[in-house]
Amino acid sequence: MHRVDPRVKIVGAVMLTILCFFLSNLVFLSVLLLLLQILVLLTGVGWETYKRTIWLAVRLALIFILVWPFFDQAGEPLLLDLWAYKVTLPAFLRSVAVALRILLIASGWFVLIFTTPQSQLVRGLVKLGLRYDMGLSISIALRYLPRFLDTIEQIKEAQRSRGFDMDRGGPIMKAKNYIPILIPTVAIAMRTAEELSQVLVCKGYGASKARTYLHDLHMGAIDCIILVSIATIVPFLIGLDVLGFVQL
């Protein structure tokens, strides 16, 4: 995966995202998710790093499962009846399918991020027709997101070591308790943005409209095979879903 052309991985991530919006069969979604988890671990990414990154998607998936019964109560049998919170088996299965889609999309893009250096990711996006400045902005955002998550956790631990309790009080008080976390985070983000802008200026970013590369991208035989496989398998699975063979 580290040697695959970034354009192939970008197309694969996009096609996986499109596929997730069509597939609703829990078995298919579960198998795809399992294969992606194996692929992520085979890329050499440490489990602790991956766990911290995927945890945000896991929480979002759990929120969808818990909130879904408020908006979808169709079908039978009824599994849980708590006044306005009614959980039916078909609605619960649909919520699980949505949660699996979230985890699949997140895992697919994580494979791209973990196995593609920033410079190659930008070149791949530019080769696919994206403006270079936009590609660079996306790459920087994806690269610094895990770092800011780690920074927030470090700030929390620092505040706790000073005796600050973020869990005291009701919901409004708990929201106010995060102000001492938010202010240092914003300050660090602004300082990081200033340092990054200085680095780009020192490297001559924007001095010339025509960009050159020391190592340009060239697709090999393996890249073509993977690309053809993706272009064949994804429409095939979507066709099966449209025809009703792999529906929930």
C-alpha atoms as a PDB file:
ATOM      1  CA  MET A   1       0.000   0.000   0.000  1.00  0.00           C
ATOM      2  CA  HIS A   2       2.888   2.392   0.646  1.00  0.00           C
ATOM      3  CA  ARG A   3       4.168   1.888  -2.920  1.00  0.00           C
ATOM      4  CA  VAL A   4       0.786   2.191  -4.643  1.00  0.00           C
ATOM      5  CA  ASP A   5       0.308   5.364  -6.682  1.00  0.00           C
ATOM      6  CA  PRO A   6      -1.522   7.970  -4.566  1.00  0.00           C
ATOM      7  CA  ARG A   7      -4.003   8.596  -7.374  1.00  0.00           C
ATOM      8  CA  VAL A   8      -5.090   4.957  -7.174  1.00  0.00           C
ATOM      9  CA  LYS A   9      -5.553   5.203  -3.400  1.00  0.00           C
ATOM     10  CA  ILE A  10      -7.512   8.448  -3.745  1.00  0.00           C
ATOM     11  CA  VAL A  11      -9.803   6.903  -6.353  1.00  0.00           C
ATOM     12  CA  GLY A  12     -10.169   3.819  -4.142  1.00  0.00           C
ATOM     13  CA  ALA A  13     -11.171   5.906  -1.112  1.00  0.00           C
ATOM     14  CA  VAL A  14     -13.705   7.874  -3.174  1.00  0.00           C
ATOM     15  CA  MET A  15     -15.167   4.698  -4.701  1.00  0.00           C
ATOM     16  CA  LEU A  16     -15.410   3.094  -1.254  1.00  0.00           C
ATOM     17  CA  THR A  17     -17.304   6.150  -0.003  1.00  0.00           C
ATOM     18  CA  ILE A  18     -19.721   5.920  -2.930  1.00  0.00           C
ATOM     19  CA  LEU A  19     -20.141   2.174  -2.366  1.00  0.00           C
ATOM     20  CA  CYS A  20     -21.004   2.717   1.309  1.00  0.00           C
ATOM     21  CA  PHE A  21     -23.957   4.928   0.337  1.00  0.00           C
ATOM     22  CA  PHE A  22     -25.402   2.084  -1.754  1.00  0.00           C
ATOM     23  CA  LEU A  23     -24.706  -1.033   0.318  1.00  0.00           C
ATOM     24  CA  SER A  24     -27.070  -1.790   3.179  1.00  0.00           C
ATOM     25  CA  ASN A  25     -26.408  -5.505   3.758  1.00  0.00           C
ATOM     26  CA  LEU A  26     -24.888  -5.918   7.212  1.00  0.00           C
ATOM     27  CA  VAL A  27     -22.863  -8.977   6.223  1.00  0.00           C
ATOM     28  CA  PHE A  28     -21.266  -7.203   3.267  1.00  0.00           C
ATOM     29  CA  LEU A  29     -20.562  -4.086   5.337  1.00  0.00           C
ATOM     30  CA  SER A  30     -19.096  -6.142   8.198  1.00  0.00           C
ATOM     31  CA  VAL A  31     -16.833  -8.140   5.875  1.00  0.00           C
ATOM     32  CA  LEU A  32     -15.599  -4.959   4.154  1.00  0.00           C
ATOM     33  CA  LEU A  33     -14.932  -3.347   7.530  1.00  0.00           C
ATOM     34  CA  LEU A  34     -12.996  -6.399   8.736  1.00  0.00           C
ATOM     35  CA  LEU A  35     -10.885  -6.452   5.567  1.00  0.00           C
ATOM     36  CA  LEU A  36     -10.125  -2.753   5.951  1.00  0.00           C
ATOM     37  CA  GLN A  37      -9.050  -3.201   9.582  1.00  0.00           C
ATOM     38  CA  ILE A  38      -6.679  -5.973   8.502  1.00  0.00           C
ATOM     39  CA  LEU A  39      -5.362  -3.757   5.704  1.00  0.00           C
ATOM     40  CA  VAL A  40      -4.757  -0.871   8.099  1.00  0.00           C
ATOM     41  CA  LEU A  41      -2.791  -3.070  10.490  1.00  0.00           C
ATOM     42  CA  LEU A  42      -0.782  -4.567   7.613  1.00  0.00           C
ATOM     43  CA  THR A  43       0.340  -1.078   6.581  1.00  0.00           C
ATOM     44  CA  GLY A  44       2.549  -0.953   9.675  1.00  0.00           C
ATOM     45  CA  VAL A  45       0.581   1.703  11.547  1.00  0.00           C
ATOM     46  CA  GLY A  46       0.863   1.245  15.298  1.00  0.00           C
ATOM     47  CA  TRP A  47      -2.273   0.061  17.044  1.00  0.00           C
ATOM     48  CA  GLU A  48      -2.187   2.938  19.555  1.00  0.00           C
ATOM     49  CA  THR A  49      -1.966   5.511  16.754  1.00  0.00           C
ATOM     50  CA  TYR A  50      -4.808   3.914  14.832  1.00  0.00           C
ATOM     51  CA  LYS A  51      -6.943   3.528  17.965  1.00  0.00           C
ATOM     52  CA  ARG A  52      -6.659   7.225  18.804  1.00  0.00           C
ATOM     53  CA  THR A  53      -7.559   8.164  15.240  1.00  0.00           C
ATOM     54  CA  ILE A  54     -10.488   5.776  14.729  1.00  0.00           C
ATOM     55  CA  TRP A  55     -11.997   6.511  18.162  1.00  0.00           C
ATOM     56  CA  LEU A  56     -13.647   9.690  16.856  1.00  0.00           C
ATOM     57  CA  ALA A  57     -15.436   7.720  14.111  1.00  0.00           C
ATOM     58  CA  VAL A  58     -16.440   5.042  16.640  1.00  0.00           C
ATOM     59  CA  ARG A  59     -18.045   7.637  18.910  1.00  0.00           C
ATOM     60  CA  LEU A  60     -19.886   9.172  15.956  1.00  0.00           C
ATOM     61  CA  ALA A  61     -21.153   5.723  14.945  1.00  0.00           C
ATOM     62  CA  LEU A  62     -22.399   5.007  18.481  1.00  0.00           C
ATOM     63  CA  ILE A  63     -24.189   8.368  18.576  1.00  0.00           C
ATOM     64  CA  PHE A  64     -25.995   7.471  15.348  1.00  0.00           C
ATOM     65  CA  ILE A  65     -27.130   4.147  16.824  1.00  0.00           C
ATOM     66  CA  LEU A  66     -28.457   5.831  19.978  1.00  0.00           C
ATOM     67  CA  VAL A  67     -30.169   8.776  18.234  1.00  0.00           C
ATOM     68  CA  TRP A  68     -31.595   6.875  15.259  1.00  0.00           C
ATOM     69  CA  PRO A  69     -34.764   5.566  17.085  1.00  0.00           C
ATOM     70  CA  PHE A  70     -35.986   9.151  17.591  1.00  0.00           C
ATOM     71  CA  PHE A  71     -36.339   9.551  13.808  1.00  0.00           C
ATOM     72  CA  ASP A  72     -37.023   5.996  12.629  1.00  0.00           C
ATOM     73  CA  GLN A  73     -39.554   3.840  14.478  1.00  0.00           C
ATOM     74  CA  ALA A  74     -40.954   1.916  11.537  1.00  0.00           C
ATOM     75  CA  GLY A  75     -41.259  -1.837  11.386  1.00  0.00           C
ATOM     76  CA  GLU A  76     -41.780  -4.730  13.752  1.00  0.00           C
ATOM     77  CA  PRO A  77     -41.049  -6.358  16.170  1.00  0.00           C
ATOM     78  CA  LEU A  78     -40.648  -3.757  18.881  1.00  0.00           C
ATOM     79  CA  LEU A  79     -37.452  -4.301  20.884  1.00  0.00           C
ATOM     80  CA  LEU A  80     -37.648  -1.397  23.329  1.00  0.00           C
ATOM     81  CA  ASP A  81     -40.438   0.988  24.294  1.00  0.00           C
ATOM     82  CA  LEU A  82     -39.487   3.946  26.500  1.00  0.00           C
ATOM     83  CA  TRP A  83     -42.206   6.489  25.767  1.00  0.00           C
ATOM     84  CA  ALA A  84     -40.911   8.467  22.728  1.00  0.00           C
ATOM     85  CA  TYR A  85     -37.832   6.251  22.453  1.00  0.00           C
ATOM     86  CA  LYS A  86     -39.012   3.167  20.597  1.00  0.00           C
ATOM     87  CA  VAL A  87     -36.562   0.723  19.036  1.00  0.00           C
ATOM     88  CA  THR A  88     -37.781  -1.678  16.383  1.00  0.00           C
ATOM     89  CA  LEU A  89     -35.664  -4.442  14.881  1.00  0.00           C
ATOM     90  CA  PRO A  90     -35.644  -3.037  11.295  1.00  0.00           C
ATOM     91  CA  ALA A  91     -34.796   0.463  12.546  1.00  0.00           C
ATOM     92  CA  PHE A  92     -32.030  -0.911  14.755  1.00  0.00           C
ATOM     93  CA  LEU A  93     -30.531  -2.832  11.817  1.00  0.00           C
ATOM     94  CA  ARG A  94     -30.658   0.320   9.693  1.00  0.00           C
ATOM     95  CA  SER A  95     -28.861   2.285  12.417  1.00  0.00           C
ATOM     96  CA  VAL A  96     -26.164  -0.399  12.622  1.00  0.00           C
ATOM     97  CA  ALA A  97     -25.779  -0.203   8.837  1.00  0.00           C
ATOM     98  CA  VAL A  98     -25.255   3.569   9.063  1.00  0.00           C
ATOM     99  CA  ALA A  99     -22.698   3.082  11.844  1.00  0.00           C
ATOM    100  CA  LEU A 100     -20.813   0.508   9.751  1.00  0.00           C
ATOM    101  CA  ARG A 101     -20.802   2.936   6.803  1.00  0.00           C
ATOM    102  CA  ILE A 102     -19.247   5.635   8.989  1.00  0.00           C
ATOM    103  CA  LEU A 103     -16.515   3.269  10.173  1.00  0.00           C
ATOM    104  CA  LEU A 104     -15.906   2.035   6.621  1.00  0.00           C
ATOM    105  CA  ILE A 105     -15.540   5.522   5.177  1.00  0.00           C
ATOM    106  CA  ALA A 106     -13.257   6.598   8.014  1.00  0.00           C
ATOM    107  CA  SER A 107     -11.095   3.464   7.709  1.00  0.00           C
ATOM    108  CA  GLY A 108     -10.794   3.839   3.938  1.00  0.00           C
ATOM    109  CA  TRP A 109      -9.548   7.403   4.191  1.00  0.00           C
ATOM    110  CA  PHE A 110      -7.267   6.495   7.084  1.00  0.00           C
ATOM    111  CA  VAL A 111      -5.550   3.913   4.853  1.00  0.00           C
ATOM    112  CA  LEU A 112      -4.905   6.697   2.351  1.00  0.00           C
ATOM    113  CA  ILE A 113      -3.581   9.067   5.008  1.00  0.00           C
ATOM    114  CA  PHE A 114      -1.428   6.513   6.834  1.00  0.00           C
ATOM    115  CA  THR A 115       0.244   5.158   3.686  1.00  0.00           C
ATOM    116  CA  THR A 116       0.688   8.346   1.657  1.00  0.00           C
ATOM    117  CA  PRO A 117       3.270  11.029   2.483  1.00  0.00           C
ATOM    118  CA  GLN A 118       2.008  14.601   2.368  1.00  0.00           C
ATOM    119  CA  SER A 119       4.002  15.481  -0.744  1.00  0.00           C
ATOM    120  CA  GLN A 120       2.670  12.476  -2.673  1.00  0.00           C
ATOM    121  CA  LEU A 121      -0.894  13.157  -1.549  1.00  0.00           C
ATOM    122  CA  VAL A 122      -0.678  16.735  -2.850  1.00  0.00           C
ATOM    123  CA  ARG A 123       0.838  15.575  -6.143  1.00  0.00           C
ATOM    124  CA  GLY A 124      -1.875  12.955  -6.525  1.00  0.00           C
ATOM    125  CA  LEU A 125      -4.651  15.496  -5.970  1.00  0.00           C
ATOM    126  CA  VAL A 126      -3.035  17.945  -8.380  1.00  0.00           C
ATOM    127  CA  LYS A 127      -2.614  15.217 -11.016  1.00  0.00           C
ATOM    128  CA  LEU A 128      -6.331  14.491 -10.683  1.00  0.00           C
ATOM    129  CA  GLY A 129      -7.113  18.126 -11.513  1.00  0.00           C
ATOM    130  CA  LEU A 130      -7.258  19.827  -8.119  1.00  0.00           C
ATOM    131  CA  ARG A 131      -5.572  23.210  -7.689  1.00  0.00           C
ATOM    132  CA  TYR A 132      -2.264  22.887  -5.872  1.00  0.00           C
ATOM    133  CA  ASP A 133      -3.125  25.324  -3.074  1.00  0.00           C
ATOM    134  CA  MET A 134      -6.358  23.478  -2.351  1.00  0.00           C
ATOM    135  CA  GLY A 135      -4.573  20.126  -2.343  1.00  0.00           C
ATOM    136  CA  LEU A 136      -1.953  21.464   0.035  1.00  0.00           C
ATOM    137  CA  SER A 137      -4.638  22.840   2.366  1.00  0.00           C
ATOM    138  CA  ILE A 138      -6.425  19.477   2.502  1.00  0.00           C
ATOM    139  CA  SER A 139      -3.167  17.642   3.119  1.00  0.00           C
ATOM    140  CA  ILE A 140      -2.159  19.979   5.961  1.00  0.00           C
ATOM    141  CA  ALA A 141      -5.604  19.695   7.565  1.00  0.00           C
ATOM    142  CA  LEU A 142      -5.511  15.891   7.479  1.00  0.00           C
ATOM    143  CA  ARG A 143      -1.966  15.804   8.805  1.00  0.00           C
ATOM    144  CA  TYR A 144      -2.493  18.162  11.728  1.00  0.00           C
ATOM    145  CA  LEU A 145      -5.869  16.818  12.903  1.00  0.00           C
ATOM    146  CA  PRO A 146      -4.379  13.917  14.933  1.00  0.00           C
ATOM    147  CA  ARG A 147      -1.739  16.278  16.333  1.00  0.00           C
ATOM    148  CA  PHE A 148      -4.384  18.702  17.596  1.00  0.00           C
ATOM    149  CA  LEU A 149      -6.341  15.834  19.146  1.00  0.00           C
ATOM    150  CA  ASP A 150      -3.183  14.841  21.035  1.00  0.00           C
ATOM    151  CA  THR A 151      -2.661  18.482  22.024  1.00  0.00           C
ATOM    152  CA  ILE A 152      -6.171  18.691  23.476  1.00  0.00           C
ATOM    153  CA  GLU A 153      -5.550  15.546  25.535  1.00  0.00           C
ATOM    154  CA  GLN A 154      -2.245  16.977  26.808  1.00  0.00           C
ATOM    155  CA  ILE A 155      -3.959  20.225  27.817  1.00  0.00           C
ATOM    156  CA  LYS A 156      -6.655  18.250  29.650  1.00  0.00           C
ATOM    157  CA  GLU A 157      -4.033  16.274  31.556  1.00  0.00           C
ATOM    158  CA  ALA A 158      -2.178  19.489  32.416  1.00  0.00           C
ATOM    159  CA  GLN A 159      -5.362  21.078  33.774  1.00  0.00           C
ATOM    160  CA  ARG A 160      -6.206  17.958  35.772  1.00  0.00           C
ATOM    161  CA  SER A 161      -2.699  17.950  37.291  1.00  0.00           C
ATOM    162  CA  ARG A 162      -3.449  21.479  38.549  1.00  0.00           C
ATOM    163  CA  GLY A 163      -6.565  20.208  40.309  1.00  0.00           C
ATOM    164  CA  PHE A 164      -9.096  21.375  37.719  1.00  0.00           C
ATOM    165  CA  ASP A 165     -12.190  19.145  37.579  1.00  0.00           C
ATOM    166  CA  MET A 166     -13.863  19.293  34.155  1.00  0.00           C
ATOM    167  CA  ASP A 167     -16.687  16.934  35.134  1.00  0.00           C
ATOM    168  CA  ARG A 168     -18.196  18.978  37.942  1.00  0.00           C
ATOM    169  CA  GLY A 169     -21.616  20.622  37.657  1.00  0.00           C
ATOM    170  CA  GLY A 170     -24.456  20.221  35.200  1.00  0.00           C
ATOM    171  CA  PRO A 171     -24.391  20.338  31.390  1.00  0.00           C
ATOM    172  CA  ILE A 172     -23.969  24.134  31.243  1.00  0.00           C
ATOM    173  CA  MET A 173     -21.209  24.086  33.852  1.00  0.00           C
ATOM    174  CA  LYS A 174     -19.444  21.247  32.048  1.00  0.00           C
ATOM    175  CA  ALA A 175     -19.540  23.279  28.841  1.00  0.00           C
ATOM    176  CA  LYS A 176     -17.992  26.244  30.661  1.00  0.00           C
ATOM    177  CA  ASN A 177     -15.344  23.968  32.132  1.00  0.00           C
ATOM    178  CA  TYR A 178     -13.949  23.443  28.642  1.00  0.00           C
ATOM    179  CA  ILE A 179     -13.060  27.126  28.259  1.00  0.00           C
ATOM    180  CA  PRO A 180      -9.621  26.584  29.905  1.00  0.00           C
ATOM    181  CA  ILE A 181      -9.114  23.819  27.325  1.00  0.00           C
ATOM    182  CA  LEU A 182     -10.351  25.829  24.361  1.00  0.00           C
ATOM    183  CA  ILE A 183      -8.238  28.946  24.907  1.00  0.00           C
ATOM    184  CA  PRO A 184      -4.814  27.191  24.953  1.00  0.00           C
ATOM    185  CA  THR A 185      -5.898  25.042  21.988  1.00  0.00           C
ATOM    186  CA  VAL A 186      -6.774  28.112  19.912  1.00  0.00           C
ATOM    187  CA  ALA A 187      -3.499  29.774  20.921  1.00  0.00           C
ATOM    188  CA  ILE A 188      -1.488  26.708  19.885  1.00  0.00           C
ATOM    189  CA  ALA A 189      -3.413  26.462  16.604  1.00  0.00           C
ATOM    190  CA  MET A 190      -2.680  30.105  15.766  1.00  0.00           C
ATOM    191  CA  ARG A 191       0.992  29.681  16.625  1.00  0.00           C
ATOM    192  CA  THR A 192       1.195  26.529  14.508  1.00  0.00           C
ATOM    193  CA  ALA A 193      -0.465  28.317  11.568  1.00  0.00           C
ATOM    194  CA  GLU A 194       2.039  31.200  11.872  1.00  0.00           C
ATOM    195  CA  GLU A 195       5.015  28.828  11.953  1.00  0.00           C
ATOM    196  CA  LEU A 196       3.638  26.871   9.006  1.00  0.00           C
ATOM    197  CA  SER A 197       3.167  30.030   6.946  1.00  0.00           C
ATOM    198  CA  GLN A 198       6.762  31.071   7.666  1.00  0.00           C
ATOM    199  CA  VAL A 199       8.010  27.640   6.560  1.00  0.00           C
ATOM    200  CA  LEU A 200       6.061  27.902   3.291  1.00  0.00           C
ATOM    201  CA  VAL A 201       7.470  31.368   2.632  1.00  0.00           C
ATOM    202  CA  CYS A 202      11.025  30.182   3.329  1.00  0.00           C
ATOM    203  CA  LYS A 203      10.535  27.336   0.861  1.00  0.00           C
ATOM    204  CA  GLY A 204       9.429  29.785  -1.838  1.00  0.00           C
ATOM    205  CA  TYR A 205       5.806  28.725  -1.968  1.00  0.00           C
ATOM    206  CA  GLY A 206       3.930  30.784  -4.564  1.00  0.00           C
ATOM    207  CA  ALA A 207       7.073  32.215  -6.162  1.00  0.00           C
ATOM    208  CA  SER A 208       6.250  30.504  -9.469  1.00  0.00           C
ATOM    209  CA  LYS A 209       2.929  29.405 -10.924  1.00  0.00           C
ATOM    210  CA  ALA A 210       4.500  26.515 -12.811  1.00  0.00           C
ATOM    211  CA  ARG A 211       5.378  23.796 -10.306  1.00  0.00           C
ATOM    212  CA  THR A 212       8.094  21.207 -10.836  1.00  0.00           C
ATOM    213  CA  TYR A 213       8.717  17.959  -8.964  1.00  0.00           C
ATOM    214  CA  LEU A 214      11.889  16.080  -8.203  1.00  0.00           C
ATOM    215  CA  HIS A 215       9.985  12.770  -8.286  1.00  0.00           C
ATOM    216  CA  ASP A 216       6.936  12.762 -10.531  1.00  0.00           C
ATOM    217  CA  LEU A 217       4.152  10.187 -10.341  1.00  0.00           C
ATOM    218  CA  HIS A 218       4.143   7.241 -12.742  1.00  0.00           C
ATOM    219  CA  MET A 219       1.593   4.438 -12.627  1.00  0.00           C
ATOM    220  CA  GLY A 220       3.018   0.923 -12.855  1.00  0.00           C
ATOM    221  CA  ALA A 221       1.472  -2.423 -13.725  1.00  0.00           C
ATOM    222  CA  ILE A 222       0.345  -3.103 -10.141  1.00  0.00           C
ATOM    223  CA  ASP A 223      -1.304   0.329  -9.966  1.00  0.00           C
ATOM    224  CA  CYS A 224      -3.216  -0.347 -13.186  1.00  0.00           C
ATOM    225  CA  ILE A 225      -4.356  -3.760 -11.935  1.00  0.00           C
ATOM    226  CA  ILE A 226      -5.623  -2.293  -8.654  1.00  0.00           C
ATOM    227  CA  LEU A 227      -7.367   0.555 -10.466  1.00  0.00           C
ATOM    228  CA  VAL A 228      -9.088  -1.802 -12.916  1.00  0.00           C
ATOM    229  CA  SER A 229     -10.118  -4.070 -10.031  1.00  0.00           C
ATOM    230  CA  ILE A 230     -11.663  -1.145  -8.140  1.00  0.00           C
ATOM    231  CA  ALA A 231     -13.430   0.102 -11.286  1.00  0.00           C
ATOM    232  CA  THR A 232     -14.872  -3.402 -11.806  1.00  0.00           C
ATOM    233  CA  ILE A 233     -15.756  -4.583  -8.307  1.00  0.00           C
ATOM    234  CA  VAL A 234     -17.428  -1.409  -7.011  1.00  0.00           C
ATOM    235  CA  PRO A 235     -19.939  -1.028  -9.900  1.00  0.00           C
ATOM    236  CA  PHE A 236     -20.593  -4.791  -9.675  1.00  0.00           C
ATOM    237  CA  LEU A 237     -21.494  -4.559  -5.980  1.00  0.00           C
ATOM    238  CA  ILE A 238     -23.612  -1.454  -6.592  1.00  0.00           C
ATOM    239  CA  GLY A 239     -25.430  -3.326  -9.372  1.00  0.00           C
ATOM    240  CA  LEU A 240     -26.117  -6.245  -7.040  1.00  0.00           C
ATOM    241  CA  ASP A 241     -27.601  -3.843  -4.497  1.00  0.00           C
ATOM    242  CA  VAL A 242     -29.745  -2.091  -7.110  1.00  0.00           C
ATOM    243  CA  LEU A 243     -31.070  -5.445  -8.290  1.00  0.00           C
ATOM    244  CA  GLY A 244     -31.880  -6.420  -4.715  1.00  0.00           C
ATOM    245  CA  PHE A 245     -29.394  -9.251  -4.214  1.00  0.00           C
ATOM    246  CA  VAL A 246     -27.474  -7.740  -1.284  1.00  0.00           C
ATOM    247  CA  GLN A 247     -30.058  -5.533   0.377  1.00  0.00           C
ATOM    248  CA  LEU A 248     -30.682  -5.545   4.140  1.00  0.00           C
END
